[in-house]
Structures are given as structure tokens and as C-alpha cells.
């Protein structure tokens, strides 16, 4: 997914809505691989697998408290 597409997803994502980041793909900027991963649902960028795992865990915790 291109960086600008992710940026638009982030802008459109409803504030406070939970995303579990189950669908991620490589992020590209101007056609080049940034080395990051990006959620195809909400547009959040993850710099490494640990950050992605922590975000998924936090989203699951938040979802289970509702």
C-alpha cells in the first residue's frame, strides 16, 4: 500500500474506533519499500513486528472491555 493511501485511511478512520490490525501489508513511498507495515483497514503504520504485536494486544484488550 502506498504511504498516501494509508494517510487517507488514517484521516477517514473514526476517532475512538478500535482496529485489531489483522490485515497488514508492506508500505511503499513513491514506489519504494519503506520497510514498514501498514494496516489496510485503518492505515496505522508499524515500524516493526513488536510494535504490531503490542497494538494488536492492546486492541483486543480494549475490545474485550466494551
Protein backbone atom coordinates (compact mmCIF):
# COMPACT_ATOMS: atom_id res chain seq x y z
CA UNK A 1 0.00 0.00 0.00
CA UNK A 2 1.27 3.46 -0.80
CA UNK A 3 2.00 5.86 2.06
CA UNK A 4 -0.60 8.36 0.79
CA UNK A 5 -3.33 5.68 0.77
CA UNK A 6 -2.56 4.92 4.42
CA UNK A 7 -2.58 8.61 5.24
CA UNK A 8 -6.08 8.91 3.78
CA UNK A 9 -7.29 5.83 5.70
CA UNK A 10 -5.99 7.36 8.94
CA UNK A 11 -7.77 10.64 8.19
CA UNK A 12 -11.05 8.81 7.46
CA UNK A 13 -10.87 6.39 10.43
CA UNK A 14 -13.48 7.31 13.08
CA UNK A 15 -11.85 8.63 16.26
CA UNK A 16 -12.04 6.10 19.08
CA UNK A 17 -12.96 3.18 16.81
CA UNK A 18 -10.99 0.00 17.57
CA UNK A 19 -8.98 -1.72 14.83
CA UNK A 20 -7.31 -5.04 15.56
CA UNK A 21 -4.86 -4.65 12.64
CA UNK A 22 -5.39 -8.17 11.30
CA UNK A 23 -4.71 -7.19 7.68
CA UNK A 24 -1.32 -5.56 7.22
CA UNK A 25 0.84 -5.19 4.15
CA UNK A 26 4.13 -3.59 3.18
CA UNK A 27 4.17 0.19 2.99
CA UNK A 28 5.60 1.93 -0.05
CA UNK A 29 6.51 5.56 -0.62
CA UNK A 30 6.90 6.77 -4.19
CA UNK A 31 7.17 3.12 -5.26
CA UNK A 32 9.94 2.24 -2.81
CA UNK A 33 9.52 -0.19 0.09
CA UNK A 34 9.74 1.77 3.38
CA UNK A 35 10.41 -1.38 5.43
CA UNK A 36 7.29 -0.64 7.48
CA UNK A 37 3.96 -2.43 7.61
CA UNK A 38 0.60 -0.71 7.32
CA UNK A 39 -2.90 -1.76 8.35
CA UNK A 40 -5.13 -1.96 5.28
CA UNK A 41 -8.22 -1.20 7.39
CA UNK A 42 -7.25 1.87 9.47
CA UNK A 43 -3.93 2.96 7.90
CA UNK A 44 -1.80 2.75 11.05
CA UNK A 45 1.90 2.27 10.29
CA UNK A 46 4.05 -0.18 12.25
CA UNK A 47 7.82 0.09 12.27
CA UNK A 48 8.48 -3.46 13.48
CA UNK A 49 6.73 -6.71 14.41
CA UNK A 50 6.94 -6.00 18.15
CA UNK A 51 5.04 -2.73 17.72
CA UNK A 52 2.38 -4.52 15.63
CA UNK A 53 2.01 -7.30 18.21
CA UNK A 54 1.63 -4.77 21.03
CA UNK A 55 -1.01 -2.81 19.09
CA UNK A 56 -2.97 -5.99 18.37
CA UNK A 57 -2.85 -6.99 22.04
CA UNK A 58 -3.98 -3.54 23.17
CA UNK A 59 -6.86 -3.52 20.65
CA UNK A 60 -8.00 -6.94 21.85
CA UNK A 61 -7.92 -5.77 25.48
CA UNK A 62 -9.93 -2.65 24.62
CA UNK A 63 -12.44 -4.66 22.63
CA UNK A 64 -12.93 -7.15 25.48
CA UNK A 65 -13.66 -4.36 27.99
CA UNK A 66 -16.59 -3.00 25.98
